[in-house]
């Protein structure tokens, strides 16, 4: 029987269809351009830094920050998640394109864990939408009271039997993302 994690906080991001296309498509497209990462918008930077225990000064220095996160449901697997600063006061989870040779997609966010996958030759966002889950796709990182990180994802609509008191309830909102305080559960 798996040990129940004592979750303190959950950082989450609602992956947009265009981001899904960019992290699934071939990493080099004609004409260039396109992001190969998951963006953390300016509206989430402050709470993301707090979640990662990174100061604003460290962030402003342009440094990359890497955490090691276990896989929810497979705690023997662990992988890096690289956070980088981005122009305009934004951040990104770098190197998330599945087909990029230097991809660092976390093992929790891969097809073998049932993370949605578009065909290797997906040509545009409209084609990628055929593989994007109805009800959305959310990635998350949970921090435990013993200061370990665990990564996972959810897809689809909010389960009908999910309690409003469930810490994950907020993830199924139309918000771009955030940090959920789960320490009272």
C-alpha atoms as a PDB file:
ATOM      1  CA  UNK A   1       0.000   0.000   0.000  1.00  0.00           C
ATOM      2  CA  UNK A   2       1.353   3.410  -0.993  1.00  0.00           C
ATOM      3  CA  UNK A   3       2.184   5.858   1.749  1.00  0.00           C
ATOM      4  CA  UNK A   4      -0.217   8.820   1.781  1.00  0.00           C
ATOM      5  CA  UNK A   5       1.584  12.084   1.112  1.00  0.00           C
ATOM      6  CA  UNK A   6       1.114  14.948   3.547  1.00  0.00           C
ATOM      7  CA  UNK A   7       0.706  17.826   1.113  1.00  0.00           C
ATOM      8  CA  UNK A   8       1.423  21.367   2.232  1.00  0.00           C
ATOM      9  CA  UNK A   9       0.939  23.313  -1.013  1.00  0.00           C
ATOM     10  CA  UNK A  10       0.129  22.628  -4.645  1.00  0.00           C
ATOM     11  CA  UNK A  11       1.402  24.798  -7.504  1.00  0.00           C
ATOM     12  CA  UNK A  12      -0.617  24.294 -10.679  1.00  0.00           C
ATOM     13  CA  UNK A  13      -0.875  25.608 -14.211  1.00  0.00           C
ATOM     14  CA  UNK A  14      -3.745  25.238 -16.665  1.00  0.00           C
ATOM     15  CA  UNK A  15      -2.016  24.219 -19.931  1.00  0.00           C
ATOM     16  CA  UNK A  16      -3.504  26.081 -22.882  1.00  0.00           C
ATOM     17  CA  UNK A  17      -4.146  24.356 -26.247  1.00  0.00           C
ATOM     18  CA  UNK A  18      -1.465  26.475 -27.974  1.00  0.00           C
ATOM     19  CA  UNK A  19       1.084  25.484 -25.327  1.00  0.00           C
ATOM     20  CA  UNK A  20       0.105  21.843 -25.750  1.00  0.00           C
ATOM     21  CA  UNK A  21       0.797  22.139 -29.483  1.00  0.00           C
ATOM     22  CA  UNK A  22       4.185  23.772 -28.830  1.00  0.00           C
ATOM     23  CA  UNK A  23       5.339  21.125 -26.358  1.00  0.00           C
ATOM     24  CA  UNK A  24       4.182  18.280 -28.646  1.00  0.00           C
ATOM     25  CA  UNK A  25       5.216  19.451 -32.141  1.00  0.00           C
ATOM     26  CA  UNK A  26       8.593  19.030 -33.839  1.00  0.00           C
ATOM     27  CA  UNK A  27      11.006  21.385 -32.114  1.00  0.00           C
ATOM     28  CA  UNK A  28      12.091  23.024 -35.375  1.00  0.00           C
ATOM     29  CA  UNK A  29       9.387  24.450 -37.570  1.00  0.00           C
ATOM     30  CA  UNK A  30       9.688  26.282 -40.844  1.00  0.00           C
ATOM     31  CA  UNK A  31      10.067  29.977 -40.197  1.00  0.00           C
ATOM     32  CA  UNK A  32      11.207  29.361 -36.617  1.00  0.00           C
ATOM     33  CA  UNK A  33       9.460  30.681 -33.577  1.00  0.00           C
ATOM     34  CA  UNK A  34       7.137  29.097 -31.122  1.00  0.00           C
ATOM     35  CA  UNK A  35       7.816  28.325 -27.514  1.00  0.00           C
ATOM     36  CA  UNK A  36       9.145  24.973 -26.335  1.00  0.00           C
ATOM     37  CA  UNK A  37       8.182  25.555 -22.717  1.00  0.00           C
ATOM     38  CA  UNK A  38       5.226  26.104 -20.427  1.00  0.00           C
ATOM     39  CA  UNK A  39       4.893  29.770 -19.594  1.00  0.00           C
ATOM     40  CA  UNK A  40       4.245  31.103 -16.131  1.00  0.00           C
ATOM     41  CA  UNK A  41       2.515  34.449 -16.683  1.00  0.00           C
ATOM     42  CA  UNK A  42       3.425  37.570 -14.739  1.00  0.00           C
ATOM     43  CA  UNK A  43       0.263  37.137 -12.650  1.00  0.00           C
ATOM     44  CA  UNK A  44       1.658  33.869 -11.224  1.00  0.00           C
ATOM     45  CA  UNK A  45       5.333  34.794 -10.768  1.00  0.00           C
ATOM     46  CA  UNK A  46       5.149  36.110  -7.199  1.00  0.00           C
ATOM     47  CA  UNK A  47       3.324  33.059  -5.839  1.00  0.00           C
ATOM     48  CA  UNK A  48       5.536  30.721  -7.905  1.00  0.00           C
ATOM     49  CA  UNK A  49       8.680  32.266  -6.410  1.00  0.00           C
ATOM     50  CA  UNK A  50       7.217  31.917  -2.924  1.00  0.00           C
ATOM     51  CA  UNK A  51       6.282  28.291  -3.640  1.00  0.00           C
ATOM     52  CA  UNK A  52       9.855  27.571  -4.793  1.00  0.00           C
ATOM     53  CA  UNK A  53      11.403  29.545  -1.913  1.00  0.00           C
ATOM     54  CA  UNK A  54      13.166  31.836  -4.390  1.00  0.00           C
ATOM     55  CA  UNK A  55      13.668  35.510  -3.596  1.00  0.00           C
ATOM     56  CA  UNK A  56      12.766  38.278  -6.035  1.00  0.00           C
ATOM     57  CA  UNK A  57      16.477  39.248  -6.153  1.00  0.00           C
ATOM     58  CA  UNK A  58      17.443  35.708  -7.180  1.00  0.00           C
ATOM     59  CA  UNK A  59      14.757  35.749  -9.855  1.00  0.00           C
ATOM     60  CA  UNK A  60      15.814  39.185 -11.136  1.00  0.00           C
ATOM     61  CA  UNK A  61      19.421  37.956 -11.493  1.00  0.00           C
ATOM     62  CA  UNK A  62      18.292  35.778 -14.410  1.00  0.00           C
ATOM     63  CA  UNK A  63      19.312  32.560 -12.720  1.00  0.00           C
ATOM     64  CA  UNK A  64      17.712  29.234 -13.580  1.00  0.00           C
ATOM     65  CA  UNK A  65      16.194  27.259 -10.729  1.00  0.00           C
ATOM     66  CA  UNK A  66      15.871  23.507 -10.777  1.00  0.00           C
ATOM     67  CA  UNK A  67      13.911  21.306  -8.424  1.00  0.00           C
ATOM     68  CA  UNK A  68      13.806  17.536  -8.274  1.00  0.00           C
ATOM     69  CA  UNK A  69      10.271  16.189  -8.172  1.00  0.00           C
ATOM     70  CA  UNK A  70       9.051  12.655  -7.631  1.00  0.00           C
ATOM     71  CA  UNK A  71       6.224  11.272  -9.768  1.00  0.00           C
ATOM     72  CA  UNK A  72       2.814  11.106  -8.078  1.00  0.00           C
ATOM     73  CA  UNK A  73       1.892   7.421  -7.933  1.00  0.00           C
ATOM     74  CA  UNK A  74       5.444   6.265  -8.751  1.00  0.00           C
ATOM     75  CA  UNK A  75       7.630   7.746  -6.007  1.00  0.00           C
ATOM     76  CA  UNK A  76      10.656   5.735  -7.117  1.00  0.00           C
ATOM     77  CA  UNK A  77      10.802   7.955 -10.232  1.00  0.00           C
ATOM     78  CA  UNK A  78      12.233  11.441  -9.970  1.00  0.00           C
ATOM     79  CA  UNK A  79      13.176  14.117 -12.474  1.00  0.00           C
ATOM     80  CA  UNK A  80      14.219  17.755 -12.771  1.00  0.00           C
ATOM     81  CA  UNK A  81      11.907  20.694 -13.398  1.00  0.00           C
ATOM     82  CA  UNK A  82      13.800  23.769 -14.600  1.00  0.00           C
ATOM     83  CA  UNK A  83      12.337  27.215 -13.962  1.00  0.00           C
ATOM     84  CA  UNK A  84      13.787  30.163 -15.858  1.00  0.00           C
ATOM     85  CA  UNK A  85      13.070  33.860 -15.984  1.00  0.00           C
ATOM     86  CA  UNK A  86      11.557  35.305 -19.127  1.00  0.00           C
ATOM     87  CA  UNK A  87      11.172  38.818 -20.538  1.00  0.00           C
ATOM     88  CA  UNK A  88       8.338  40.924 -19.180  1.00  0.00           C
ATOM     89  CA  UNK A  89       8.641  39.591 -15.633  1.00  0.00           C
ATOM     90  CA  UNK A  90       7.401  36.150 -16.641  1.00  0.00           C
ATOM     91  CA  UNK A  91       8.824  32.703 -16.021  1.00  0.00           C
ATOM     92  CA  UNK A  92       8.836  29.418 -17.858  1.00  0.00           C
ATOM     93  CA  UNK A  93       9.240  25.736 -17.211  1.00  0.00           C
ATOM     94  CA  UNK A  94      12.003  25.189 -19.729  1.00  0.00           C
ATOM     95  CA  UNK A  95      12.673  22.403 -22.228  1.00  0.00           C
ATOM     96  CA  UNK A  96       9.225  20.825 -22.242  1.00  0.00           C
ATOM     97  CA  UNK A  97       8.972  20.052 -25.964  1.00  0.00           C
ATOM     98  CA  UNK A  98       8.713  16.259 -26.213  1.00  0.00           C
ATOM     99  CA  UNK A  99      10.636  16.023 -29.515  1.00  0.00           C
ATOM    100  CA  UNK A 100      13.475  18.384 -28.627  1.00  0.00           C
ATOM    101  CA  UNK A 101      16.799  16.530 -28.182  1.00  0.00           C
ATOM    102  CA  UNK A 102      17.437  18.419 -24.923  1.00  0.00           C
ATOM    103  CA  UNK A 103      13.895  17.873 -23.623  1.00  0.00           C
ATOM    104  CA  UNK A 104      13.617  17.775 -19.867  1.00  0.00           C
ATOM    105  CA  UNK A 105       9.934  16.980 -19.709  1.00  0.00           C
ATOM    106  CA  UNK A 106       9.273  15.640 -16.281  1.00  0.00           C
ATOM    107  CA  UNK A 107       8.501  11.883 -16.178  1.00  0.00           C
ATOM    108  CA  UNK A 108       5.077  12.659 -14.646  1.00  0.00           C
ATOM    109  CA  UNK A 109       4.175  14.635 -17.775  1.00  0.00           C
ATOM    110  CA  UNK A 110       4.961  11.954 -20.363  1.00  0.00           C
ATOM    111  CA  UNK A 111       2.748   9.709 -22.488  1.00  0.00           C
ATOM    112  CA  UNK A 112       3.713   6.592 -20.525  1.00  0.00           C
ATOM    113  CA  UNK A 113       1.825   8.194 -17.590  1.00  0.00           C
ATOM    114  CA  UNK A 114      -1.148   8.889 -19.898  1.00  0.00           C
ATOM    115  CA  UNK A 115      -0.223  12.534 -20.444  1.00  0.00           C
ATOM    116  CA  UNK A 116      -1.903  13.548 -23.720  1.00  0.00           C
ATOM    117  CA  UNK A 117       0.265  13.105 -26.797  1.00  0.00           C
ATOM    118  CA  UNK A 118      -0.164  14.498 -30.297  1.00  0.00           C
ATOM    119  CA  UNK A 119       1.382  12.739 -33.323  1.00  0.00           C
ATOM    120  CA  UNK A 120       5.018  13.585 -34.010  1.00  0.00           C
ATOM    121  CA  UNK A 121       4.019  15.320 -37.264  1.00  0.00           C
ATOM    122  CA  UNK A 122       1.270  17.497 -35.748  1.00  0.00           C
ATOM    123  CA  UNK A 123       1.274  20.603 -37.953  1.00  0.00           C
ATOM    124  CA  UNK A 124      -0.686  23.224 -36.048  1.00  0.00           C
ATOM    125  CA  UNK A 125      -2.768  24.058 -32.993  1.00  0.00           C
ATOM    126  CA  UNK A 126      -5.985  22.957 -34.706  1.00  0.00           C
ATOM    127  CA  UNK A 127      -4.565  19.471 -35.343  1.00  0.00           C
ATOM    128  CA  UNK A 128      -3.221  19.320 -31.780  1.00  0.00           C
ATOM    129  CA  UNK A 129      -6.700  20.129 -30.436  1.00  0.00           C
ATOM    130  CA  UNK A 130      -7.834  16.667 -31.570  1.00  0.00           C
ATOM    131  CA  UNK A 131      -5.520  15.241 -28.867  1.00  0.00           C
ATOM    132  CA  UNK A 132      -6.126  17.891 -26.212  1.00  0.00           C
ATOM    133  CA  UNK A 133      -8.452  16.597 -23.490  1.00  0.00           C
ATOM    134  CA  UNK A 134     -12.005  17.885 -23.364  1.00  0.00           C
ATOM    135  CA  UNK A 135     -12.260  19.643 -20.027  1.00  0.00           C
ATOM    136  CA  UNK A 136      -8.630  20.763 -20.066  1.00  0.00           C
ATOM    137  CA  UNK A 137      -5.154  19.761 -18.979  1.00  0.00           C
ATOM    138  CA  UNK A 138      -3.437  20.884 -15.789  1.00  0.00           C
ATOM    139  CA  UNK A 139       0.076  20.196 -14.549  1.00  0.00           C
ATOM    140  CA  UNK A 140       0.893  20.466 -10.880  1.00  0.00           C
ATOM    141  CA  UNK A 141       3.694  20.240  -8.362  1.00  0.00           C
ATOM    142  CA  UNK A 142       2.835  19.322  -4.787  1.00  0.00           C
ATOM    143  CA  UNK A 143       5.116  20.192  -1.894  1.00  0.00           C
ATOM    144  CA  UNK A 144       4.986  17.961   1.166  1.00  0.00           C
ATOM    145  CA  UNK A 145       5.587  18.976   4.767  1.00  0.00           C
ATOM    146  CA  UNK A 146       8.988  17.264   4.574  1.00  0.00           C
ATOM    147  CA  UNK A 147       9.839  19.698   1.723  1.00  0.00           C
ATOM    148  CA  UNK A 148       9.809  17.197  -1.118  1.00  0.00           C
ATOM    149  CA  UNK A 149       8.185  17.890  -4.463  1.00  0.00           C
ATOM    150  CA  UNK A 150       5.889  15.572  -6.420  1.00  0.00           C
ATOM    151  CA  UNK A 151       4.678  16.270  -9.965  1.00  0.00           C
ATOM    152  CA  UNK A 152       1.508  15.132 -11.662  1.00  0.00           C
ATOM    153  CA  UNK A 153      -1.269  16.237 -13.976  1.00  0.00           C
ATOM    154  CA  UNK A 154      -5.017  16.091 -14.340  1.00  0.00           C
ATOM    155  CA  UNK A 155      -7.052  16.082 -17.513  1.00  0.00           C
ATOM    156  CA  UNK A 156     -10.702  16.415 -18.317  1.00  0.00           C
ATOM    157  CA  UNK A 157     -13.561  17.880 -16.346  1.00  0.00           C
ATOM    158  CA  UNK A 158     -13.720  18.065 -12.564  1.00  0.00           C
ATOM    159  CA  UNK A 159     -14.876  14.710 -11.184  1.00  0.00           C
ATOM    160  CA  UNK A 160     -18.558  15.002 -10.235  1.00  0.00           C
ATOM    161  CA  UNK A 161     -17.927  13.467  -6.824  1.00  0.00           C
ATOM    162  CA  UNK A 162     -15.084  15.855  -5.904  1.00  0.00           C
ATOM    163  CA  UNK A 163     -15.806  17.762  -2.710  1.00  0.00           C
ATOM    164  CA  UNK A 164     -15.542  21.547  -2.644  1.00  0.00           C
ATOM    165  CA  UNK A 165     -13.166  21.000   0.297  1.00  0.00           C
ATOM    166  CA  UNK A 166     -10.788  18.908  -1.819  1.00  0.00           C
ATOM    167  CA  UNK A 167      -7.568  20.924  -2.338  1.00  0.00           C
ATOM    168  CA  UNK A 168      -7.592  19.984  -6.040  1.00  0.00           C
ATOM    169  CA  UNK A 169     -11.101  21.445  -6.569  1.00  0.00           C
ATOM    170  CA  UNK A 170      -9.666  24.865  -7.500  1.00  0.00           C
ATOM    171  CA  UNK A 171      -7.558  23.345 -10.286  1.00  0.00           C
ATOM    172  CA  UNK A 172     -10.678  22.734 -12.319  1.00  0.00           C
ATOM    173  CA  UNK A 173     -11.590  26.419 -12.396  1.00  0.00           C
ATOM    174  CA  UNK A 174     -11.001  28.622 -15.432  1.00  0.00           C
ATOM    175  CA  UNK A 175      -8.025  30.309 -13.731  1.00  0.00           C
ATOM    176  CA  UNK A 176      -4.619  30.145 -15.430  1.00  0.00           C
ATOM    177  CA  UNK A 177      -3.087  28.576 -12.328  1.00  0.00           C
ATOM    178  CA  UNK A 178      -2.009  29.310  -8.803  1.00  0.00           C
ATOM    179  CA  UNK A 179      -0.902  27.889  -5.487  1.00  0.00           C
ATOM    180  CA  UNK A 180      -3.314  25.988  -3.282  1.00  0.00           C
ATOM    181  CA  UNK A 181      -2.738  25.861   0.447  1.00  0.00           C
ATOM    182  CA  UNK A 182      -3.510  22.257   1.333  1.00  0.00           C
ATOM    183  CA  UNK A 183      -2.171  22.174   4.879  1.00  0.00           C
ATOM    184  CA  UNK A 184      -5.575  22.074   6.557  1.00  0.00           C
ATOM    185  CA  UNK A 185      -6.534  18.815   4.849  1.00  0.00           C
END
